[in-house]
Amino acid sequence: MPPMSFIGTVTKQGFMDKTVTVTVRRQFLHKKTGKLLVKGKKFLVHDERNQLLIDDTVLIRNCPPISKRKRFTLESVIASPE
């Protein structure tokens, strides 16, 4: 798998140990109508130190599988609400 990185927002934290849910949103124009559409995708991300909080903006990068659904790890925290 080629290296991929995404910027997203933490939407769920604290329910699983060392795991957070990050939502990555992307915008694009519809081909026929020309309207701006927003799509989002959720990823389970490995957070080794349990440092992330809800609404943090983070950079995630793909890695070898850690569990059944966890394929991304935390690269860096871009912005925090605090």
PDB file of N, CA and C in Angstrom:
ATOM      1  N   MET A   1       0.840  -1.175   0.000  1.00  0.00           N
ATOM      2  CA  MET A   1       0.000   0.000   0.000  1.00  0.00           C
ATOM      3  C   MET A   1       0.888   1.243   0.000  1.00  0.00           C
ATOM      4  N   PRO A   2       0.664   2.169  -0.909  1.00  0.00           N
ATOM      5  CA  PRO A   2       1.494   3.377  -0.945  1.00  0.00           C
ATOM      6  C   PRO A   2       1.241   4.252   0.273  1.00  0.00           C
ATOM      7  N   PRO A   3       2.213   5.064   0.656  1.00  0.00           N
ATOM      8  CA  PRO A   3       2.024   5.919   1.817  1.00  0.00           C
ATOM      9  C   PRO A   3       0.912   6.936   1.580  1.00  0.00           C
ATOM     10  N   MET A   4       0.011   7.022   2.554  1.00  0.00           N
ATOM     11  CA  MET A   4      -1.085   7.974   2.484  1.00  0.00           C
ATOM     12  C   MET A   4      -1.110   8.764   3.781  1.00  0.00           C
ATOM     13  N   SER A   5      -1.471  10.018   3.690  1.00  0.00           N
ATOM     14  CA  SER A   5      -1.664  10.805   4.902  1.00  0.00           C
ATOM     15  C   SER A   5      -2.881  11.692   4.702  1.00  0.00           C
ATOM     16  N   PHE A   6      -3.620  11.878   5.784  1.00  0.00           N
ATOM     17  CA  PHE A   6      -4.830  12.677   5.750  1.00  0.00           C
ATOM     18  C   PHE A   6      -4.841  13.625   6.935  1.00  0.00           C
ATOM     19  N   ILE A   7      -5.548  14.739   6.770  1.00  0.00           N
ATOM     20  CA  ILE A   7      -5.786  15.662   7.876  1.00  0.00           C
ATOM     21  C   ILE A   7      -7.253  15.542   8.237  1.00  0.00           C
ATOM     22  N   GLY A   8      -7.526  15.305   9.523  1.00  0.00           N
ATOM     23  CA  GLY A   8      -8.902  15.114   9.959  1.00  0.00           C
ATOM     24  C   GLY A   8      -9.115  15.630  11.370  1.00  0.00           C
ATOM     25  N   THR A   9     -10.338  15.418  11.858  1.00  0.00           N
ATOM     26  CA  THR A   9     -10.751  15.884  13.175  1.00  0.00           C
ATOM     27  C   THR A   9     -11.128  14.688  14.035  1.00  0.00           C
ATOM     28  N   VAL A  10     -10.691  14.685  15.291  1.00  0.00           N
ATOM     29  CA  VAL A  10     -11.031  13.608  16.213  1.00  0.00           C
ATOM     30  C   VAL A  10     -12.501  13.754  16.593  1.00  0.00           C
ATOM     31  N   THR A  11     -13.296  12.701  16.352  1.00  0.00           N
ATOM     32  CA  THR A  11     -14.718  12.762  16.641  1.00  0.00           C
ATOM     33  C   THR A  11     -15.135  11.841  17.780  1.00  0.00           C
ATOM     34  N   LYS A  12     -14.315  10.857  18.111  1.00  0.00           N
ATOM     35  CA  LYS A  12     -14.663   9.923  19.184  1.00  0.00           C
ATOM     36  C   LYS A  12     -13.381   9.524  19.898  1.00  0.00           C
ATOM     37  N   GLN A  13     -13.388   9.625  21.224  1.00  0.00           N
ATOM     38  CA  GLN A  13     -12.182   9.353  22.000  1.00  0.00           C
ATOM     39  C   GLN A  13     -12.579   8.839  23.366  1.00  0.00           C
ATOM     40  N   GLY A  14     -11.815   7.895  23.911  1.00  0.00           N
ATOM     41  CA  GLY A  14     -12.034   7.426  25.264  1.00  0.00           C
ATOM     42  C   GLY A  14     -12.825   6.146  25.377  1.00  0.00           C
ATOM     43  N   PHE A  15     -13.410   5.655  24.289  1.00  0.00           N
ATOM     44  CA  PHE A  15     -14.204   4.437  24.355  1.00  0.00           C
ATOM     45  C   PHE A  15     -13.344   3.193  24.200  1.00  0.00           C
ATOM     46  N   MET A  16     -12.204   3.334  23.514  1.00  0.00           N
ATOM     47  CA  MET A  16     -11.273   2.225  23.314  1.00  0.00           C
ATOM     48  C   MET A  16      -9.890   2.686  23.745  1.00  0.00           C
ATOM     49  N   ASP A  17      -9.120   1.794  24.321  1.00  0.00           N
ATOM     50  CA  ASP A  17      -7.785   2.132  24.793  1.00  0.00           C
ATOM     51  C   ASP A  17      -6.846   2.289  23.595  1.00  0.00           C
ATOM     52  N   LYS A  18      -6.112   3.396  23.551  1.00  0.00           N
ATOM     53  CA  LYS A  18      -5.129   3.708  22.513  1.00  0.00           C
ATOM     54  C   LYS A  18      -5.729   3.800  21.111  1.00  0.00           C
ATOM     55  N   THR A  19      -7.021   4.110  21.022  1.00  0.00           N
ATOM     56  CA  THR A  19      -7.686   4.222  19.730  1.00  0.00           C
ATOM     57  C   THR A  19      -8.618   5.419  19.727  1.00  0.00           C
ATOM     58  N   VAL A  20      -8.596   6.175  18.647  1.00  0.00           N
ATOM     59  CA  VAL A  20      -9.536   7.277  18.454  1.00  0.00           C
ATOM     60  C   VAL A  20     -10.147   7.153  17.058  1.00  0.00           C
ATOM     61  N   THR A  21     -11.285   7.795  16.871  1.00  0.00           N
ATOM     62  CA  THR A  21     -11.919   7.848  15.567  1.00  0.00           C
ATOM     63  C   THR A  21     -11.686   9.227  14.980  1.00  0.00           C
ATOM     64  N   VAL A  22     -11.152   9.257  13.766  1.00  0.00           N
ATOM     65  CA  VAL A  22     -10.864  10.513  13.083  1.00  0.00           C
ATOM     66  C   VAL A  22     -11.727  10.580  11.825  1.00  0.00           C
ATOM     67  N   THR A  23     -12.418  11.712  11.647  1.00  0.00           N
ATOM     68  CA  THR A  23     -13.228  11.927  10.457  1.00  0.00           C
ATOM     69  C   THR A  23     -12.460  12.830   9.493  1.00  0.00           C
ATOM     70  N   VAL A  24     -12.282  12.329   8.277  1.00  0.00           N
ATOM     71  CA  VAL A  24     -11.595  13.077   7.225  1.00  0.00           C
ATOM     72  C   VAL A  24     -12.653  13.530   6.232  1.00  0.00           C
ATOM     73  N   ARG A  25     -12.735  14.837   6.016  1.00  0.00           N
ATOM     74  CA  ARG A  25     -13.724  15.403   5.097  1.00  0.00           C
ATOM     75  C   ARG A  25     -13.033  15.916   3.845  1.00  0.00           C
ATOM     76  N   ARG A  26     -13.720  15.756   2.708  1.00  0.00           N
ATOM     77  CA  ARG A  26     -13.202  16.284   1.453  1.00  0.00           C
ATOM     78  C   ARG A  26     -14.335  16.964   0.695  1.00  0.00           C
ATOM     79  N   GLN A  27     -13.985  17.999  -0.048  1.00  0.00           N
ATOM     80  CA  GLN A  27     -14.957  18.761  -0.818  1.00  0.00           C
ATOM     81  C   GLN A  27     -14.659  18.597  -2.300  1.00  0.00           C
ATOM     82  N   PHE A  28     -15.728  18.533  -3.095  1.00  0.00           N
ATOM     83  CA  PHE A  28     -15.559  18.456  -4.530  1.00  0.00           C
ATOM     84  C   PHE A  28     -16.807  19.001  -5.208  1.00  0.00           C
ATOM     85  N   LEU A  29     -16.676  19.332  -6.476  1.00  0.00           N
ATOM     86  CA  LEU A  29     -17.795  19.847  -7.251  1.00  0.00           C
ATOM     87  C   LEU A  29     -18.507  18.704  -7.961  1.00  0.00           C
ATOM     88  N   HIS A  30     -19.838  18.755  -7.946  1.00  0.00           N
ATOM     89  CA  HIS A  30     -20.629  17.785  -8.682  1.00  0.00           C
ATOM     90  C   HIS A  30     -20.454  18.054 -10.178  1.00  0.00           C
ATOM     91  N   LYS A  31     -20.332  17.008 -10.975  1.00  0.00           N
ATOM     92  CA  LYS A  31     -20.031  17.182 -12.394  1.00  0.00           C
ATOM     93  C   LYS A  31     -21.164  17.862 -13.162  1.00  0.00           C
ATOM     94  N   LYS A  32     -22.410  17.495 -12.875  1.00  0.00           N
ATOM     95  CA  LYS A  32     -23.526  18.055 -13.643  1.00  0.00           C
ATOM     96  C   LYS A  32     -24.037  19.367 -13.063  1.00  0.00           C
ATOM     97  N   THR A  33     -24.252  19.409 -11.756  1.00  0.00           N
ATOM     98  CA  THR A  33     -24.885  20.582 -11.155  1.00  0.00           C
ATOM     99  C   THR A  33     -23.899  21.668 -10.760  1.00  0.00           C
ATOM    100  N   GLY A  34     -22.643  21.316 -10.562  1.00  0.00           N
ATOM    101  CA  GLY A  34     -21.650  22.297 -10.170  1.00  0.00           C
ATOM    102  C   GLY A  34     -21.711  22.685  -8.704  1.00  0.00           C
ATOM    103  N   LYS A  35     -22.541  21.961  -7.921  1.00  0.00           N
ATOM    104  CA  LYS A  35     -22.664  22.267  -6.497  1.00  0.00           C
ATOM    105  C   LYS A  35     -21.483  21.690  -5.723  1.00  0.00           C
ATOM    106  N   LEU A  36     -21.144  22.343  -4.631  1.00  0.00           N
ATOM    107  CA  LEU A  36     -20.059  21.885  -3.776  1.00  0.00           C
ATOM    108  C   LEU A  36     -20.591  20.806  -2.838  1.00  0.00           C
ATOM    109  N   LEU A  37     -20.010  19.621  -2.893  1.00  0.00           N
ATOM    110  CA  LEU A  37     -20.418  18.505  -2.046  1.00  0.00           C
ATOM    111  C   LEU A  37     -19.327  18.223  -1.022  1.00  0.00           C
ATOM    112  N   VAL A  38     -19.750  17.755   0.156  1.00  0.00           N
ATOM    113  CA  VAL A  38     -18.812  17.409   1.220  1.00  0.00           C
ATOM    114  C   VAL A  38     -19.052  15.952   1.586  1.00  0.00           C
ATOM    115  N   LYS A  39     -18.005  15.157   1.525  1.00  0.00           N
ATOM    116  CA  LYS A  39     -18.079  13.758   1.939  1.00  0.00           C
ATOM    117  C   LYS A  39     -17.093  13.541   3.067  1.00  0.00           C
ATOM    118  N   GLY A  40     -17.435  12.619   3.960  1.00  0.00           N
ATOM    119  CA  GLY A  40     -16.554  12.308   5.071  1.00  0.00           C
ATOM    120  C   GLY A  40     -16.340  10.817   5.208  1.00  0.00           C
ATOM    121  N   LYS A  41     -15.205  10.445   5.752  1.00  0.00           N
ATOM    122  CA  LYS A  41     -14.901   9.030   6.007  1.00  0.00           C
ATOM    123  C   LYS A  41     -14.251   8.930   7.376  1.00  0.00           C
ATOM    124  N   LYS A  42     -14.620   7.894   8.118  1.00  0.00           N
ATOM    125  CA  LYS A  42     -14.088   7.704   9.463  1.00  0.00           C
ATOM    126  C   LYS A  42     -12.989   6.651   9.438  1.00  0.00           C
ATOM    127  N   PHE A  43     -11.926   6.919  10.172  1.00  0.00           N
ATOM    128  CA  PHE A  43     -10.815   5.985  10.298  1.00  0.00           C
ATOM    129  C   PHE A  43     -10.540   5.750  11.771  1.00  0.00           C
ATOM    130  N   LEU A  44     -10.206   4.504  12.122  1.00  0.00           N
ATOM    131  CA  LEU A  44      -9.714   4.210  13.466  1.00  0.00           C
ATOM    132  C   LEU A  44      -8.212   4.440  13.459  1.00  0.00           C
ATOM    133  N   VAL A  45      -7.730   5.216  14.422  1.00  0.00           N
ATOM    134  CA  VAL A  45      -6.331   5.633  14.450  1.00  0.00           C
ATOM    135  C   VAL A  45      -5.704   5.203  15.767  1.00  0.00           C
ATOM    136  N   HIS A  46      -4.481   4.687  15.690  1.00  0.00           N
ATOM    137  CA  HIS A  46      -3.739   4.272  16.874  1.00  0.00           C
ATOM    138  C   HIS A  46      -3.107   5.495  17.538  1.00  0.00           C
ATOM    139  N   ASP A  47      -3.441   5.698  18.815  1.00  0.00           N
ATOM    140  CA  ASP A  47      -2.903   6.813  19.611  1.00  0.00           C
ATOM    141  C   ASP A  47      -2.186   6.195  20.809  1.00  0.00           C
ATOM    142  N   GLU A  48      -0.890   5.983  20.691  1.00  0.00           N
ATOM    143  CA  GLU A  48      -0.110   5.236  21.686  1.00  0.00           C
ATOM    144  C   GLU A  48      -0.198   5.833  23.083  1.00  0.00           C
ATOM    145  N   ARG A  49      -0.192   7.163  23.217  1.00  0.00           N
ATOM    146  CA  ARG A  49      -0.133   7.793  24.537  1.00  0.00           C
ATOM    147  C   ARG A  49      -1.482   8.321  25.029  1.00  0.00           C
ATOM    148  N   ASN A  50      -2.572   8.028  24.315  1.00  0.00           N
ATOM    149  CA  ASN A  50      -3.900   8.527  24.674  1.00  0.00           C
ATOM    150  C   ASN A  50      -3.880  10.040  24.896  1.00  0.00           C
ATOM    151  N   GLN A  51      -3.261  10.769  23.988  1.00  0.00           N
ATOM    152  CA  GLN A  51      -3.073  12.206  24.159  1.00  0.00           C
ATOM    153  C   GLN A  51      -4.142  13.038  23.453  1.00  0.00           C
ATOM    154  N   LEU A  52      -4.901  12.440  22.550  1.00  0.00           N
ATOM    155  CA  LEU A  52      -5.841  13.218  21.753  1.00  0.00           C
ATOM    156  C   LEU A  52      -7.147  13.485  22.486  1.00  0.00           C
ATOM    157  N   LEU A  53      -7.743  14.637  22.162  1.00  0.00           N
ATOM    158  CA  LEU A  53      -9.031  15.030  22.696  1.00  0.00           C
ATOM    159  C   LEU A  53      -9.984  15.275  21.524  1.00  0.00           C
ATOM    160  N   ILE A  54     -11.278  15.322  21.815  1.00  0.00           N
ATOM    161  CA  ILE A  54     -12.265  15.577  20.777  1.00  0.00           C
ATOM    162  C   ILE A  54     -12.033  16.966  20.185  1.00  0.00           C
ATOM    163  N   ASP A  55     -12.216  17.091  18.898  1.00  0.00           N
ATOM    164  CA  ASP A  55     -12.047  18.311  18.101  1.00  0.00           C
ATOM    165  C   ASP A  55     -10.589  18.680  17.847  1.00  0.00           C
ATOM    166  N   ASP A  56      -9.643  17.811  18.151  1.00  0.00           N
ATOM    167  CA  ASP A  56      -8.258  18.044  17.750  1.00  0.00           C
ATOM    168  C   ASP A  56      -8.145  17.836  16.238  1.00  0.00           C
ATOM    169  N   THR A  57      -7.347  18.657  15.583  1.00  0.00           N
ATOM    170  CA  THR A  57      -7.038  18.465  14.172  1.00  0.00           C
ATOM    171  C   THR A  57      -5.706  17.738  14.098  1.00  0.00           C
ATOM    172  N   VAL A  58      -5.691  16.591  13.396  1.00  0.00           N
ATOM    173  CA  VAL A  58      -4.514  15.727  13.412  1.00  0.00           C
ATOM    174  C   VAL A  58      -4.124  15.315  11.996  1.00  0.00           C
ATOM    175  N   LEU A  59      -2.860  14.929  11.870  1.00  0.00           N
ATOM    176  CA  LEU A  59      -2.332  14.341  10.647  1.00  0.00           C
ATOM    177  C   LEU A  59      -2.155  12.860  10.914  1.00  0.00           C
ATOM    178  N   ILE A  60      -2.792  12.013  10.088  1.00  0.00           N
ATOM    179  CA  ILE A  60      -2.667  10.562  10.267  1.00  0.00           C
ATOM    180  C   ILE A  60      -1.983   9.964   9.048  1.00  0.00           C
ATOM    181  N   ARG A  61      -1.315   8.840   9.250  1.00  0.00           N
ATOM    182  CA  ARG A  61      -0.578   8.175   8.184  1.00  0.00           C
ATOM    183  C   ARG A  61      -0.858   6.682   8.251  1.00  0.00           C
ATOM    184  N   ASN A  62      -0.941   6.043   7.071  1.00  0.00           N
ATOM    185  CA  ASN A  62      -1.210   4.611   7.069  1.00  0.00           C
ATOM    186  C   ASN A  62       0.003   3.828   7.571  1.00  0.00           C
ATOM    187  N   CYS A  63      -0.252   2.619   8.066  1.00  0.00           N
ATOM    188  CA  CYS A  63       0.791   1.761   8.632  1.00  0.00           C
ATOM    189  C   CYS A  63       0.356   0.313   8.450  1.00  0.00           C
ATOM    190  N   PRO A  64       1.206  -0.647   8.773  1.00  0.00           N
ATOM    191  CA  PRO A  64       0.768  -2.040   8.735  1.00  0.00           C
ATOM    192  C   PRO A  64      -0.387  -2.257   9.708  1.00  0.00           C
ATOM    193  N   PRO A  65      -1.260  -3.218   9.429  1.00  0.00           N
ATOM    194  CA  PRO A  65      -2.441  -3.415  10.275  1.00  0.00           C
ATOM    195  C   PRO A  65      -2.084  -3.648  11.746  1.00  0.00           C
ATOM    196  N   ILE A  66      -2.761  -2.901  12.624  1.00  0.00           N
ATOM    197  CA  ILE A  66      -2.569  -3.046  14.064  1.00  0.00           C
ATOM    198  C   ILE A  66      -3.643  -3.958  14.634  1.00  0.00           C
ATOM    199  N   SER A  67      -4.855  -3.860  14.089  1.00  0.00           N
ATOM    200  CA  SER A  67      -5.952  -4.745  14.466  1.00  0.00           C
ATOM    201  C   SER A  67      -6.837  -4.924  13.234  1.00  0.00           C
ATOM    202  N   LYS A  68      -8.047  -5.461  13.442  1.00  0.00           N
ATOM    203  CA  LYS A  68      -8.909  -5.756  12.303  1.00  0.00           C
ATOM    204  C   LYS A  68      -9.262  -4.510  11.489  1.00  0.00           C
ATOM    205  N   ARG A  69      -9.577  -3.400  12.156  1.00  0.00           N
ATOM    206  CA  ARG A  69     -10.002  -2.182  11.464  1.00  0.00           C
ATOM    207  C   ARG A  69      -9.030  -1.016  11.604  1.00  0.00           C
ATOM    208  N   LYS A  70      -7.998  -1.179  12.394  1.00  0.00           N
ATOM    209  CA  LYS A  70      -7.070  -0.070  12.660  1.00  0.00           C
ATOM    210  C   LYS A  70      -5.869  -0.166  11.721  1.00  0.00           C
ATOM    211  N   ARG A  71      -5.802   0.787  10.755  1.00  0.00           N
ATOM    212  CA  ARG A  71      -4.752   0.773   9.748  1.00  0.00           C
ATOM    213  C   ARG A  71      -3.988   2.087   9.689  1.00  0.00           C
ATOM    214  N   PHE A  72      -4.279   3.021  10.604  1.00  0.00           N
ATOM    215  CA  PHE A  72      -3.631   4.328  10.599  1.00  0.00           C
ATOM    216  C   PHE A  72      -3.043   4.624  11.964  1.00  0.00           C
ATOM    217  N   THR A  73      -1.995   5.437  11.974  1.00  0.00           N
ATOM    218  CA  THR A  73      -1.366   5.845  13.220  1.00  0.00           C
ATOM    219  C   THR A  73      -1.248   7.373  13.237  1.00  0.00           C
ATOM    220  N   LEU A  74      -1.148   7.918  14.424  1.00  0.00           N
ATOM    221  CA  LEU A  74      -1.059   9.360  14.596  1.00  0.00           C
ATOM    222  C   LEU A  74       0.331   9.838  14.188  1.00  0.00           C
ATOM    223  N   GLU A  75       0.368  10.814  13.288  1.00  0.00           N
ATOM    224  CA  GLU A  75       1.640  11.401  12.864  1.00  0.00           C
ATOM    225  C   GLU A  75       1.949  12.645  13.699  1.00  0.00           C
ATOM    226  N   SER A  76       0.985  13.570  13.797  1.00  0.00           N
ATOM    227  CA  SER A  76       1.187  14.776  14.592  1.00  0.00           C
ATOM    228  C   SER A  76      -0.157  15.447  14.876  1.00  0.00           C
ATOM    229  N   VAL A  77      -0.157  16.283  15.915  1.00  0.00           N
ATOM    230  CA  VAL A  77      -1.327  17.086  16.253  1.00  0.00           C
ATOM    231  C   VAL A  77      -1.117  18.467  15.629  1.00  0.00           C
ATOM    232  N   ILE A  78      -2.035  18.882  14.774  1.00  0.00           N
ATOM    233  CA  ILE A  78      -1.908  20.164  14.091  1.00  0.00           C
ATOM    234  C   ILE A  78      -2.477  21.293  14.940  1.00  0.00           C
ATOM    235  N   ALA A  79      -3.682  21.073  15.464  1.00  0.00           N
ATOM    236  CA  ALA A  79      -4.324  22.113  16.283  1.00  0.00           C
ATOM    237  C   ALA A  79      -5.173  21.450  17.360  1.00  0.00           C
ATOM    238  N   SER A  80      -5.221  22.085  18.527  1.00  0.00           N
ATOM    239  CA  SER A  80      -6.008  21.588  19.648  1.00  0.00           C
ATOM    240  C   SER A  80      -6.923  22.715  20.132  1.00  0.00           C
ATOM    241  N   PRO A  81      -8.153  22.403  20.545  1.00  0.00           N
ATOM    242  CA  PRO A  81      -9.045  23.480  20.985  1.00  0.00           C
ATOM    243  C   PRO A  81      -8.612  24.168  22.261  1.00  0.00           C
ATOM    244  N   GLU A  82      -7.734  23.552  23.026  1.00  0.00           N
ATOM    245  CA  GLU A  82      -7.298  24.155  24.296  1.00  0.00           C
ATOM    246  C   GLU A  82      -6.094  25.046  24.093  1.00  0.00           C
TER     247      GLU A  82
END
